[in-house]
N, C-alpha and C. Protein backbone atom coordinates (compact mmCIF):
# COMPACT_ATOMS: atom_id res chain seq x y z
N MET A 1 126.50 185.51 160.69
CA MET A 1 125.09 185.78 160.47
C MET A 1 124.54 186.67 161.58
N ILE A 2 123.79 187.71 161.21
CA ILE A 2 123.18 188.60 162.19
C ILE A 2 121.98 187.88 162.82
N ARG A 3 122.00 187.77 164.12
CA ARG A 3 120.92 187.09 164.82
C ARG A 3 119.70 188.01 164.90
N PRO A 4 118.52 187.45 165.08
CA PRO A 4 117.30 188.27 165.16
C PRO A 4 117.29 189.15 166.41
N LEU A 5 116.31 190.04 166.42
CA LEU A 5 116.06 190.90 167.58
C LEU A 5 114.88 190.34 168.36
N ALA A 6 115.08 190.14 169.65
CA ALA A 6 114.01 189.72 170.55
C ALA A 6 113.67 190.88 171.46
N VAL A 7 112.45 191.38 171.37
CA VAL A 7 112.00 192.51 172.19
C VAL A 7 111.06 191.96 173.26
N PHE A 8 111.37 192.21 174.50
CA PHE A 8 110.61 191.66 175.61
C PHE A 8 109.79 192.74 176.32
N ASP A 9 108.55 192.39 176.61
CA ASP A 9 107.76 193.11 177.58
C ASP A 9 108.34 192.81 178.96
N ILE A 10 108.01 193.62 179.96
CA ILE A 10 108.52 193.37 181.32
C ILE A 10 107.46 192.74 182.22
N ASP A 11 106.40 193.52 182.55
CA ASP A 11 105.40 193.04 183.50
C ASP A 11 104.63 191.84 182.94
N GLY A 12 104.67 190.73 183.67
CA GLY A 12 103.93 189.55 183.25
C GLY A 12 104.68 188.68 182.26
N THR A 13 105.84 189.16 181.79
CA THR A 13 106.64 188.39 180.83
C THR A 13 107.98 188.01 181.44
N LEU A 14 108.71 189.00 181.92
CA LEU A 14 109.97 188.75 182.60
C LEU A 14 109.80 188.81 184.12
N VAL A 15 108.97 189.74 184.57
CA VAL A 15 108.82 190.05 185.99
C VAL A 15 107.40 189.71 186.45
N ASP A 16 107.29 189.02 187.57
CA ASP A 16 105.98 188.67 188.12
C ASP A 16 105.48 189.83 188.98
N SER A 17 104.76 190.73 188.34
CA SER A 17 104.26 191.94 189.03
C SER A 17 102.76 191.87 189.27
N ARG A 18 102.19 190.68 189.22
CA ARG A 18 100.74 190.55 189.39
C ARG A 18 100.29 191.10 190.74
N ALA A 19 100.98 190.73 191.81
CA ALA A 19 100.56 191.15 193.14
C ALA A 19 100.76 192.65 193.33
N SER A 20 101.89 193.19 192.86
CA SER A 20 102.18 194.61 193.10
C SER A 20 101.26 195.52 192.30
N ILE A 21 100.96 195.17 191.06
CA ILE A 21 100.07 196.00 190.26
C ILE A 21 98.66 195.98 190.83
N PHE A 22 98.19 194.81 191.25
CA PHE A 22 96.85 194.72 191.85
C PHE A 22 96.81 195.50 193.15
N ARG A 23 97.86 195.40 193.96
CA ARG A 23 97.90 196.14 195.22
C ARG A 23 97.88 197.64 194.96
N ALA A 24 98.65 198.12 193.98
CA ALA A 24 98.69 199.55 193.69
C ALA A 24 97.33 200.05 193.21
N ALA A 25 96.68 199.27 192.35
CA ALA A 25 95.36 199.67 191.85
C ALA A 25 94.34 199.70 192.98
N THR A 26 94.42 198.72 193.87
CA THR A 26 93.49 198.65 194.99
C THR A 26 93.71 199.79 195.97
N GLU A 27 94.96 200.05 196.32
CA GLU A 27 95.25 201.13 197.26
C GLU A 27 94.89 202.49 196.67
N ALA A 28 95.15 202.68 195.39
CA ALA A 28 94.82 203.95 194.75
C ALA A 28 93.31 204.17 194.74
N ALA A 29 92.56 203.13 194.41
CA ALA A 29 91.10 203.24 194.41
C ALA A 29 90.59 203.56 195.82
N ARG A 30 91.15 202.90 196.81
CA ARG A 30 90.73 203.12 198.19
C ARG A 30 91.04 204.56 198.62
N ASP A 31 92.21 205.06 198.25
CA ASP A 31 92.61 206.42 198.63
C ASP A 31 91.66 207.46 198.05
N LEU A 32 91.12 207.18 196.85
CA LEU A 32 90.24 208.15 196.18
C LEU A 32 88.76 207.88 196.43
N GLY A 33 88.46 206.87 197.24
CA GLY A 33 87.07 206.56 197.53
C GLY A 33 86.36 205.87 196.38
N LEU A 34 87.13 205.22 195.49
CA LEU A 34 86.55 204.48 194.38
C LEU A 34 86.33 203.03 194.79
N PRO A 35 85.43 202.32 194.11
CA PRO A 35 85.27 200.90 194.41
C PRO A 35 86.57 200.15 194.15
N GLU A 36 86.95 199.26 195.06
CA GLU A 36 88.16 198.47 194.85
C GLU A 36 87.95 197.52 193.68
N PRO A 37 88.84 197.53 192.69
CA PRO A 37 88.63 196.72 191.48
C PRO A 37 88.90 195.24 191.73
N GLU A 38 88.22 194.40 191.00
CA GLU A 38 88.51 192.97 191.03
C GLU A 38 89.77 192.71 190.21
N TYR A 39 90.51 191.65 190.59
CA TYR A 39 91.76 191.35 189.90
C TYR A 39 91.54 191.13 188.41
N ASP A 40 90.43 190.49 188.03
CA ASP A 40 90.21 190.19 186.62
C ASP A 40 90.12 191.46 185.79
N ARG A 41 89.60 192.54 186.37
CA ARG A 41 89.53 193.81 185.65
C ARG A 41 90.92 194.45 185.54
N VAL A 42 91.69 194.33 186.62
CA VAL A 42 93.03 194.93 186.63
C VAL A 42 93.95 194.24 185.64
N ARG A 43 93.91 192.91 185.60
CA ARG A 43 94.85 192.18 184.74
C ARG A 43 94.65 192.51 183.27
N ARG A 44 93.43 192.89 182.89
CA ARG A 44 93.15 193.16 181.49
C ARG A 44 93.77 194.48 181.00
N ILE A 45 94.07 195.39 181.92
CA ILE A 45 94.60 196.70 181.51
C ILE A 45 96.12 196.75 181.51
N VAL A 46 96.77 195.70 182.04
CA VAL A 46 98.23 195.70 182.13
C VAL A 46 98.82 195.66 180.72
N GLY A 47 99.86 196.46 180.53
CA GLY A 47 100.50 196.56 179.22
C GLY A 47 100.24 197.90 178.56
N LEU A 48 99.10 198.50 178.87
CA LEU A 48 98.81 199.84 178.39
C LEU A 48 99.60 200.86 179.19
N SER A 49 99.74 202.08 178.67
CA SER A 49 100.33 203.14 179.49
C SER A 49 99.46 203.32 180.72
N LEU A 50 100.05 203.80 181.81
CA LEU A 50 99.31 203.89 183.07
C LEU A 50 98.08 204.77 182.93
N HIS A 51 98.20 205.90 182.27
CA HIS A 51 97.07 206.81 182.09
C HIS A 51 95.94 206.11 181.33
N GLN A 52 96.29 205.44 180.24
CA GLN A 52 95.27 204.74 179.45
C GLN A 52 94.69 203.57 180.22
N ALA A 53 95.54 202.87 180.97
CA ALA A 53 95.08 201.71 181.73
C ALA A 53 94.06 202.10 182.79
N LEU A 54 94.36 203.15 183.55
CA LEU A 54 93.45 203.55 184.61
C LEU A 54 92.20 204.22 184.06
N HIS A 55 92.32 204.87 182.91
CA HIS A 55 91.12 205.39 182.25
C HIS A 55 90.21 204.25 181.81
N THR A 56 90.80 203.17 181.32
CA THR A 56 90.01 201.99 180.94
C THR A 56 89.35 201.37 182.16
N LEU A 57 90.07 201.38 183.29
CA LEU A 57 89.53 200.81 184.51
C LEU A 57 88.38 201.64 185.07
N GLU A 58 88.51 202.98 184.99
CA GLU A 58 87.48 203.89 185.52
C GLU A 58 87.17 204.95 184.45
N PRO A 59 86.40 204.60 183.42
CA PRO A 59 86.20 205.50 182.27
C PRO A 59 85.36 206.73 182.56
N THR A 60 84.67 206.79 183.69
CA THR A 60 83.80 207.94 183.97
C THR A 60 84.51 209.05 184.73
N LEU A 61 85.76 208.87 185.10
CA LEU A 61 86.48 209.89 185.85
C LEU A 61 86.73 211.12 184.98
N THR A 62 86.69 212.29 185.61
CA THR A 62 87.09 213.52 184.91
C THR A 62 88.61 213.49 184.73
N ASP A 63 89.12 214.40 183.92
CA ASP A 63 90.57 214.48 183.71
C ASP A 63 91.30 214.69 185.03
N ALA A 64 90.76 215.56 185.88
CA ALA A 64 91.41 215.84 187.16
C ALA A 64 91.36 214.62 188.07
N GLU A 65 90.22 213.92 188.09
CA GLU A 65 90.10 212.72 188.92
C GLU A 65 91.03 211.62 188.41
N LEU A 66 91.15 211.51 187.09
CA LEU A 66 92.04 210.50 186.52
C LEU A 66 93.49 210.81 186.88
N ALA A 67 93.86 212.08 186.83
CA ALA A 67 95.21 212.47 187.22
C ALA A 67 95.49 212.11 188.68
N ASP A 68 94.50 212.28 189.55
CA ASP A 68 94.65 211.90 190.96
C ASP A 68 94.80 210.38 191.09
N PHE A 69 94.06 209.64 190.28
CA PHE A 69 94.11 208.17 190.31
C PHE A 69 95.51 207.71 189.89
N VAL A 70 96.03 208.29 188.83
CA VAL A 70 97.38 207.96 188.36
C VAL A 70 98.41 208.26 189.45
N ALA A 71 98.29 209.45 190.06
CA ALA A 71 99.23 209.85 191.09
C ALA A 71 99.17 208.91 192.30
N ALA A 72 97.96 208.50 192.67
CA ALA A 72 97.80 207.59 193.81
C ALA A 72 98.39 206.22 193.50
N PHE A 73 98.21 205.74 192.28
CA PHE A 73 98.79 204.46 191.86
C PHE A 73 100.31 204.54 191.94
N GLN A 74 100.89 205.60 191.41
CA GLN A 74 102.33 205.76 191.42
C GLN A 74 102.86 205.88 192.85
N ALA A 75 102.12 206.56 193.70
CA ALA A 75 102.54 206.69 195.09
C ALA A 75 102.55 205.34 195.80
N SER A 76 101.58 204.50 195.50
CA SER A 76 101.55 203.16 196.09
C SER A 76 102.77 202.36 195.66
N PHE A 77 103.12 202.45 194.38
CA PHE A 77 104.30 201.74 193.89
C PHE A 77 105.56 202.24 194.57
N ARG A 78 105.66 203.57 194.73
CA ARG A 78 106.86 204.12 195.38
C ARG A 78 106.97 203.62 196.82
N ARG A 79 105.84 203.56 197.52
CA ARG A 79 105.88 203.06 198.89
C ARG A 79 106.38 201.63 198.94
N MET A 80 105.92 200.81 198.02
CA MET A 80 106.37 199.41 197.99
C MET A 80 107.87 199.32 197.81
N HIS A 81 108.40 200.09 196.87
CA HIS A 81 109.83 199.98 196.56
C HIS A 81 110.69 200.70 197.58
N GLU A 82 110.13 201.64 198.30
CA GLU A 82 110.86 202.24 199.42
C GLU A 82 111.04 201.24 200.55
N GLU A 83 110.20 200.21 200.57
CA GLU A 83 110.30 199.14 201.56
C GLU A 83 111.25 198.04 201.09
N ALA A 84 112.06 198.35 200.05
CA ALA A 84 113.03 197.40 199.48
C ALA A 84 112.33 196.23 198.81
N PHE A 85 111.11 196.44 198.37
CA PHE A 85 110.38 195.39 197.66
C PHE A 85 110.85 195.33 196.21
N GLN A 86 110.99 194.12 195.68
CA GLN A 86 111.31 193.95 194.27
C GLN A 86 110.52 192.76 193.74
N GLU A 87 109.82 192.97 192.62
CA GLU A 87 109.06 191.89 192.03
C GLU A 87 110.00 190.78 191.57
N PRO A 88 109.62 189.52 191.78
CA PRO A 88 110.51 188.42 191.36
C PRO A 88 110.45 188.20 189.86
N LEU A 89 111.53 187.64 189.33
CA LEU A 89 111.53 187.18 187.95
C LEU A 89 110.80 185.85 187.88
N TYR A 90 110.19 185.58 186.74
CA TYR A 90 109.58 184.28 186.54
C TYR A 90 110.67 183.21 186.43
N PRO A 91 110.38 181.97 186.83
CA PRO A 91 111.38 180.90 186.76
C PRO A 91 111.93 180.72 185.35
N GLY A 92 113.24 180.64 185.25
CA GLY A 92 113.89 180.38 183.97
C GLY A 92 114.16 181.61 183.13
N VAL A 93 113.65 182.77 183.54
CA VAL A 93 113.80 183.97 182.72
C VAL A 93 115.26 184.37 182.55
N MET A 94 116.01 184.43 183.66
CA MET A 94 117.39 184.90 183.56
C MET A 94 118.23 183.95 182.73
N ASP A 95 118.03 182.66 182.90
CA ASP A 95 118.78 181.68 182.10
C ASP A 95 118.46 181.85 180.61
N THR A 96 117.19 182.09 180.30
CA THR A 96 116.78 182.28 178.91
C THR A 96 117.43 183.52 178.31
N LEU A 97 117.39 184.64 179.04
CA LEU A 97 117.99 185.87 178.55
C LEU A 97 119.49 185.71 178.34
N ARG A 98 120.16 185.09 179.29
CA ARG A 98 121.61 184.90 179.17
C ARG A 98 121.95 184.00 178.00
N ARG A 99 121.16 182.96 177.79
CA ARG A 99 121.42 182.05 176.67
C ARG A 99 121.25 182.75 175.34
N LEU A 100 120.18 183.55 175.21
CA LEU A 100 119.97 184.28 173.97
C LEU A 100 121.11 185.27 173.72
N HIS A 101 121.51 185.98 174.76
CA HIS A 101 122.62 186.94 174.63
C HIS A 101 123.90 186.22 174.23
N ARG A 102 124.17 185.09 174.85
CA ARG A 102 125.37 184.31 174.53
C ARG A 102 125.35 183.81 173.09
N ASP A 103 124.15 183.50 172.59
CA ASP A 103 124.01 183.00 171.22
C ASP A 103 124.01 184.11 170.18
N GLY A 104 124.11 185.36 170.62
CA GLY A 104 124.23 186.46 169.67
C GLY A 104 122.95 187.19 169.34
N TRP A 105 121.85 186.86 170.03
CA TRP A 105 120.61 187.60 169.81
C TRP A 105 120.80 189.04 170.28
N ARG A 106 120.15 189.97 169.59
CA ARG A 106 120.02 191.33 170.08
C ARG A 106 118.75 191.39 170.93
N LEU A 107 118.83 191.98 172.11
CA LEU A 107 117.71 192.01 173.04
C LEU A 107 117.33 193.45 173.36
N ALA A 108 116.03 193.70 173.46
CA ALA A 108 115.52 195.02 173.81
C ALA A 108 114.28 194.86 174.68
N LEU A 109 113.86 195.97 175.28
CA LEU A 109 112.67 196.01 176.13
C LEU A 109 111.65 196.97 175.53
N ALA A 110 110.37 196.58 175.59
CA ALA A 110 109.27 197.46 175.20
C ALA A 110 108.15 197.26 176.21
N THR A 111 107.87 198.27 177.00
CA THR A 111 107.00 198.09 178.17
C THR A 111 106.06 199.26 178.37
N GLY A 112 104.95 198.97 179.03
CA GLY A 112 104.01 200.01 179.43
C GLY A 112 104.45 200.77 180.67
N GLN A 113 105.56 200.34 181.31
CA GLN A 113 106.07 201.05 182.47
C GLN A 113 106.55 202.45 182.08
N ASN A 114 106.72 203.31 183.09
CA ASN A 114 107.36 204.59 182.82
C ASN A 114 108.87 204.42 182.88
N ARG A 115 109.60 205.49 182.58
CA ARG A 115 111.06 205.38 182.52
C ARG A 115 111.65 205.05 183.89
N ARG A 116 111.01 205.53 184.96
CA ARG A 116 111.51 205.21 186.30
C ARG A 116 111.46 203.71 186.54
N GLY A 117 110.36 203.08 186.12
CA GLY A 117 110.24 201.64 186.29
C GLY A 117 111.26 200.87 185.46
N VAL A 118 111.49 201.34 184.23
CA VAL A 118 112.48 200.69 183.38
C VAL A 118 113.87 200.80 184.01
N THR A 119 114.20 201.98 184.50
CA THR A 119 115.50 202.19 185.14
C THR A 119 115.65 201.28 186.35
N ARG A 120 114.60 201.16 187.13
CA ARG A 120 114.64 200.29 188.31
C ARG A 120 114.90 198.84 187.89
N ASN A 121 114.26 198.39 186.82
CA ASN A 121 114.48 197.01 186.39
C ASN A 121 115.85 196.80 185.76
N LEU A 122 116.34 197.80 185.04
CA LEU A 122 117.67 197.67 184.44
C LEU A 122 118.77 197.64 185.50
N ALA A 123 118.43 198.02 186.72
CA ALA A 123 119.40 197.95 187.82
C ALA A 123 119.50 196.54 188.40
N ARG A 124 118.62 195.63 187.95
CA ARG A 124 118.74 194.25 188.40
C ARG A 124 120.09 193.68 187.96
N GLU A 125 120.61 192.78 188.75
CA GLU A 125 121.93 192.22 188.46
C GLU A 125 121.97 191.57 187.07
N GLY A 126 122.88 192.05 186.25
CA GLY A 126 123.09 191.47 184.93
C GLY A 126 122.24 192.02 183.82
N TRP A 127 121.21 192.81 184.15
CA TRP A 127 120.28 193.25 183.10
C TRP A 127 120.89 194.29 182.17
N SER A 128 121.64 195.22 182.70
CA SER A 128 122.12 196.33 181.87
C SER A 128 123.01 195.85 180.73
N GLU A 129 123.68 194.73 180.93
CA GLU A 129 124.59 194.22 179.89
C GLU A 129 123.85 193.39 178.85
N LEU A 130 122.61 193.04 179.12
CA LEU A 130 121.86 192.17 178.21
C LEU A 130 121.13 192.92 177.12
N PHE A 131 120.59 194.10 177.45
CA PHE A 131 119.66 194.78 176.55
C PHE A 131 120.33 195.92 175.79
N VAL A 132 120.16 195.92 174.48
CA VAL A 132 120.72 196.97 173.64
C VAL A 132 119.97 198.28 173.85
N SER A 133 118.65 198.21 174.00
CA SER A 133 117.85 199.41 174.16
C SER A 133 116.60 199.10 174.97
N SER A 134 115.97 200.16 175.48
CA SER A 134 114.72 200.01 176.22
C SER A 134 113.77 201.11 175.81
N HIS A 135 112.48 200.78 175.74
CA HIS A 135 111.47 201.71 175.22
C HIS A 135 110.22 201.57 176.08
N CYS A 136 109.62 202.72 176.42
CA CYS A 136 108.48 202.69 177.33
C CYS A 136 107.42 203.68 176.90
N ALA A 137 106.30 203.65 177.64
CA ALA A 137 105.14 204.47 177.27
C ALA A 137 105.44 205.96 177.33
N GLU A 138 106.42 206.37 178.14
CA GLU A 138 106.76 207.78 178.24
C GLU A 138 107.50 208.28 177.00
N ASP A 139 108.01 207.37 176.18
CA ASP A 139 108.77 207.76 174.99
C ASP A 139 107.86 208.20 173.85
N GLY A 140 106.58 207.89 173.94
CA GLY A 140 105.65 208.20 172.85
C GLY A 140 104.38 207.39 173.03
N PRO A 141 103.67 207.10 171.96
CA PRO A 141 102.44 206.33 172.08
C PRO A 141 102.69 204.97 172.73
N GLY A 142 101.77 204.56 173.59
CA GLY A 142 101.89 203.25 174.24
C GLY A 142 101.30 202.14 173.39
N LYS A 143 101.40 200.93 173.90
CA LYS A 143 100.83 199.77 173.23
C LYS A 143 99.31 199.94 173.10
N PRO A 144 98.72 199.44 172.02
CA PRO A 144 99.28 198.62 170.95
C PRO A 144 99.84 199.40 169.76
N ASP A 145 99.99 200.72 169.91
CA ASP A 145 100.65 201.49 168.85
C ASP A 145 102.06 200.91 168.63
N PRO A 146 102.52 200.80 167.39
CA PRO A 146 103.80 200.16 167.13
C PRO A 146 105.02 201.04 167.37
N ALA A 147 104.84 202.27 167.86
CA ALA A 147 105.95 203.23 167.94
C ALA A 147 107.14 202.70 168.72
N MET A 148 106.91 202.16 169.91
CA MET A 148 108.06 201.75 170.72
C MET A 148 108.76 200.53 170.12
N LEU A 149 108.00 199.65 169.47
CA LEU A 149 108.62 198.49 168.83
C LEU A 149 109.43 198.92 167.61
N ARG A 150 108.91 199.87 166.87
CA ARG A 150 109.67 200.40 165.74
C ARG A 150 110.93 201.11 166.22
N ALA A 151 110.84 201.81 167.35
CA ALA A 151 112.02 202.46 167.91
C ALA A 151 113.07 201.44 168.32
N ALA A 152 112.63 200.31 168.86
CA ALA A 152 113.57 199.25 169.23
C ALA A 152 114.27 198.69 167.99
N MET A 153 113.51 198.49 166.91
CA MET A 153 114.11 197.98 165.68
C MET A 153 115.13 198.97 165.12
N THR A 154 114.81 200.25 165.17
CA THR A 154 115.74 201.27 164.69
C THR A 154 117.01 201.29 165.54
N ALA A 155 116.84 201.25 166.86
CA ALA A 155 117.99 201.30 167.76
C ALA A 155 118.90 200.09 167.61
N CYS A 156 118.31 198.96 167.24
CA CYS A 156 119.08 197.72 167.16
C CYS A 156 119.43 197.34 165.73
N GLY A 157 119.06 198.16 164.77
CA GLY A 157 119.38 197.87 163.37
C GLY A 157 118.69 196.63 162.85
N ALA A 158 117.45 196.42 163.23
CA ALA A 158 116.71 195.22 162.85
C ALA A 158 115.57 195.55 161.89
N THR A 159 115.14 194.55 161.15
CA THR A 159 113.99 194.67 160.27
C THR A 159 112.77 194.04 160.93
N PRO A 160 111.57 194.41 160.50
CA PRO A 160 110.38 193.76 161.07
C PRO A 160 110.41 192.24 160.91
N GLY A 161 110.87 191.76 159.76
CA GLY A 161 110.91 190.33 159.54
C GLY A 161 111.91 189.60 160.40
N GLY A 162 112.88 190.34 160.95
CA GLY A 162 113.88 189.74 161.82
C GLY A 162 113.67 190.08 163.28
N THR A 163 112.44 190.48 163.62
CA THR A 163 112.13 190.90 164.99
C THR A 163 110.98 190.08 165.55
N VAL A 164 111.13 189.61 166.78
CA VAL A 164 110.06 188.92 167.48
C VAL A 164 109.75 189.69 168.75
N MET A 165 108.46 189.92 169.00
CA MET A 165 108.00 190.61 170.21
C MET A 165 107.44 189.57 171.16
N ILE A 166 108.00 189.50 172.37
CA ILE A 166 107.57 188.51 173.36
C ILE A 166 106.82 189.22 174.47
N GLY A 167 105.56 188.85 174.68
CA GLY A 167 104.76 189.49 175.72
C GLY A 167 103.66 188.59 176.20
N ASP A 168 102.98 189.04 177.24
CA ASP A 168 101.94 188.22 177.87
C ASP A 168 100.53 188.75 177.65
N THR A 169 100.38 189.85 176.88
CA THR A 169 99.05 190.43 176.71
C THR A 169 98.69 190.57 175.24
N SER A 170 97.41 190.74 175.01
CA SER A 170 96.94 190.99 173.65
C SER A 170 97.50 192.31 173.12
N HIS A 171 97.81 193.27 174.01
CA HIS A 171 98.39 194.54 173.58
C HIS A 171 99.76 194.32 172.94
N ASP A 172 100.55 193.39 173.50
CA ASP A 172 101.85 193.06 172.92
C ASP A 172 101.68 192.42 171.55
N ILE A 173 100.71 191.52 171.45
CA ILE A 173 100.49 190.80 170.19
C ILE A 173 100.07 191.78 169.10
N VAL A 174 99.13 192.65 169.41
CA VAL A 174 98.64 193.61 168.40
C VAL A 174 99.75 194.60 168.04
N MET A 175 100.55 195.04 169.01
CA MET A 175 101.66 195.93 168.69
C MET A 175 102.62 195.27 167.71
N ALA A 176 102.94 194.00 167.95
CA ALA A 176 103.84 193.29 167.04
C ALA A 176 103.28 193.24 165.64
N LEU A 177 102.01 192.89 165.52
CA LEU A 177 101.38 192.81 164.21
C LEU A 177 101.34 194.17 163.54
N ASN A 178 101.06 195.21 164.31
CA ASN A 178 101.04 196.57 163.76
C ASN A 178 102.40 197.01 163.23
N ALA A 179 103.47 196.46 163.83
CA ALA A 179 104.83 196.82 163.41
C ALA A 179 105.38 195.88 162.34
N GLY A 180 104.62 194.85 161.99
CA GLY A 180 105.10 193.89 161.02
C GLY A 180 106.07 192.88 161.59
N ALA A 181 106.18 192.82 162.94
CA ALA A 181 107.07 191.89 163.61
C ALA A 181 106.32 190.60 163.95
N HIS A 182 107.06 189.61 164.41
CA HIS A 182 106.47 188.32 164.76
C HIS A 182 106.00 188.35 166.21
N PRO A 183 104.73 188.06 166.49
CA PRO A 183 104.25 188.06 167.87
C PRO A 183 104.42 186.69 168.53
N LEU A 184 104.93 186.70 169.75
CA LEU A 184 105.09 185.46 170.50
C LEU A 184 104.58 185.69 171.92
N GLY A 185 103.55 184.95 172.31
CA GLY A 185 102.96 185.12 173.62
C GLY A 185 103.56 184.21 174.67
N VAL A 186 103.33 184.55 175.94
CA VAL A 186 103.69 183.67 177.05
C VAL A 186 102.46 183.52 177.94
N ALA A 187 102.34 182.33 178.54
CA ALA A 187 101.09 181.97 179.22
C ALA A 187 101.07 182.28 180.70
N TRP A 188 102.17 182.79 181.25
CA TRP A 188 102.27 182.90 182.71
C TRP A 188 101.99 184.30 183.25
N GLY A 189 101.55 185.23 182.41
CA GLY A 189 101.36 186.60 182.86
C GLY A 189 99.92 186.99 183.10
N PHE A 190 99.49 188.09 182.47
CA PHE A 190 98.20 188.70 182.78
C PHE A 190 97.06 188.25 181.88
N HIS A 191 97.31 188.06 180.61
CA HIS A 191 96.24 187.65 179.70
C HIS A 191 96.30 186.16 179.44
N THR A 192 95.15 185.58 179.19
CA THR A 192 95.07 184.14 178.98
C THR A 192 95.60 183.76 177.59
N ILE A 193 95.86 182.47 177.43
CA ILE A 193 96.27 181.96 176.12
C ILE A 193 95.22 182.30 175.08
N GLU A 194 93.96 182.11 175.43
CA GLU A 194 92.88 182.36 174.49
C GLU A 194 92.80 183.82 174.09
N GLU A 195 93.01 184.72 175.03
CA GLU A 195 92.99 186.16 174.73
C GLU A 195 94.12 186.53 173.78
N GLN A 196 95.28 185.95 173.99
CA GLN A 196 96.41 186.25 173.11
C GLN A 196 96.22 185.64 171.72
N GLN A 197 95.67 184.44 171.68
CA GLN A 197 95.40 183.82 170.38
C GLN A 197 94.36 184.62 169.60
N ALA A 198 93.35 185.11 170.30
CA ALA A 198 92.32 185.91 169.63
C ALA A 198 92.90 187.20 169.07
N ALA A 199 93.97 187.71 169.69
CA ALA A 199 94.61 188.94 169.21
C ALA A 199 95.53 188.67 168.02
N GLY A 200 95.86 187.38 167.78
CA GLY A 200 96.67 187.05 166.62
C GLY A 200 97.95 186.29 166.90
N ALA A 201 98.14 185.83 168.14
CA ALA A 201 99.34 185.07 168.47
C ALA A 201 99.27 183.69 167.84
N ALA A 202 100.27 183.34 167.06
CA ALA A 202 100.31 182.01 166.46
C ALA A 202 100.77 180.97 167.48
N HIS A 203 101.55 181.42 168.46
CA HIS A 203 102.04 180.50 169.51
C HIS A 203 102.11 181.25 170.82
N VAL A 204 101.72 180.58 171.90
CA VAL A 204 101.84 181.12 173.25
C VAL A 204 102.62 180.09 174.07
N ALA A 205 103.83 180.46 174.49
CA ALA A 205 104.70 179.53 175.21
C ALA A 205 104.15 179.26 176.60
N VAL A 206 104.18 178.00 177.01
CA VAL A 206 103.64 177.62 178.31
C VAL A 206 104.70 177.67 179.42
N ASP A 207 105.99 177.67 179.06
CA ASP A 207 107.06 177.80 180.03
C ASP A 207 108.30 178.29 179.29
N THR A 208 109.38 178.55 180.04
CA THR A 208 110.56 179.11 179.38
C THR A 208 111.25 178.14 178.42
N PRO A 209 111.28 176.82 178.68
CA PRO A 209 111.82 175.93 177.64
C PRO A 209 111.02 176.00 176.34
N ASP A 210 109.71 176.10 176.44
CA ASP A 210 108.86 176.25 175.26
C ASP A 210 109.15 177.57 174.56
N LEU A 211 109.36 178.63 175.35
CA LEU A 211 109.71 179.93 174.78
C LEU A 211 111.04 179.85 174.04
N GLY A 212 112.03 179.23 174.66
CA GLY A 212 113.33 179.10 174.01
C GLY A 212 113.26 178.34 172.72
N ALA A 213 112.46 177.28 172.70
CA ALA A 213 112.32 176.47 171.48
C ALA A 213 111.63 177.28 170.38
N ALA A 214 110.62 178.08 170.76
CA ALA A 214 109.92 178.91 169.76
C ALA A 214 110.86 179.95 169.19
N LEU A 215 111.72 180.53 170.03
CA LEU A 215 112.68 181.52 169.54
C LEU A 215 113.72 180.88 168.63
N ASP A 216 114.14 179.67 168.94
CA ASP A 216 115.08 178.96 168.08
C ASP A 216 114.45 178.69 166.72
N ARG A 217 113.18 178.32 166.71
CA ARG A 217 112.50 178.10 165.42
C ARG A 217 112.43 179.38 164.62
N PHE A 218 112.15 180.48 165.31
CA PHE A 218 112.09 181.77 164.61
C PHE A 218 113.45 182.13 164.02
N ALA A 219 114.52 181.91 164.80
CA ALA A 219 115.87 182.23 164.32
C ALA A 219 116.23 181.40 163.10
N SER A 220 115.80 180.15 163.08
CA SER A 220 116.12 179.28 161.96
C SER A 220 115.39 179.70 160.70
N ALA A 221 114.18 180.26 160.88
CA ALA A 221 113.37 180.65 159.72
C ALA A 221 113.63 182.07 159.25
N ALA A 222 114.19 182.90 160.16
CA ALA A 222 114.38 184.34 159.83
C ALA A 222 115.46 184.53 158.76
């Protein structure tokens, strides 16, 4: 039997990047003389492509100012990683991924990161052997457009009915619905359970055992 396709978001779902994203947004704003954003505003934009996210954060910027904001954000991230910084995985994530892979699930990534960020994460120990494909905002339209999720299904030979999108934001949930895939939220990232439910999530996992159980139910029903 062909196992379903599980497509994972990265930031806030697999990787705890809350501190690094907030730091980059804060440093970029400071460098450009913009008001330093509150964390609650920053967390709401995570999952979108960087250009769209920062435009949402500062909608009055001109195109040139927005380009400078994006560049400053990226520069902050580069400085962090030049210091050998790496965002930690959430507890239980690696065990969950390995178990799904061992059970025959096809795994893919769909993220608002750029390709450099995806490459950096795929260099984590064991990751490159787990994921069939990876898709990011640089490949085409970002979330919640279904393009990258549809690309993952094509790359992995999956149907919408046999695909589950796992993410921590309403952008992930809406992307899944737009692609005809099953949306599955997680509660430990950037958006609240209520925000994900309002976007259409039927279930939001509270921890990795809950996530594993939800995926097993999906596999049984698919």
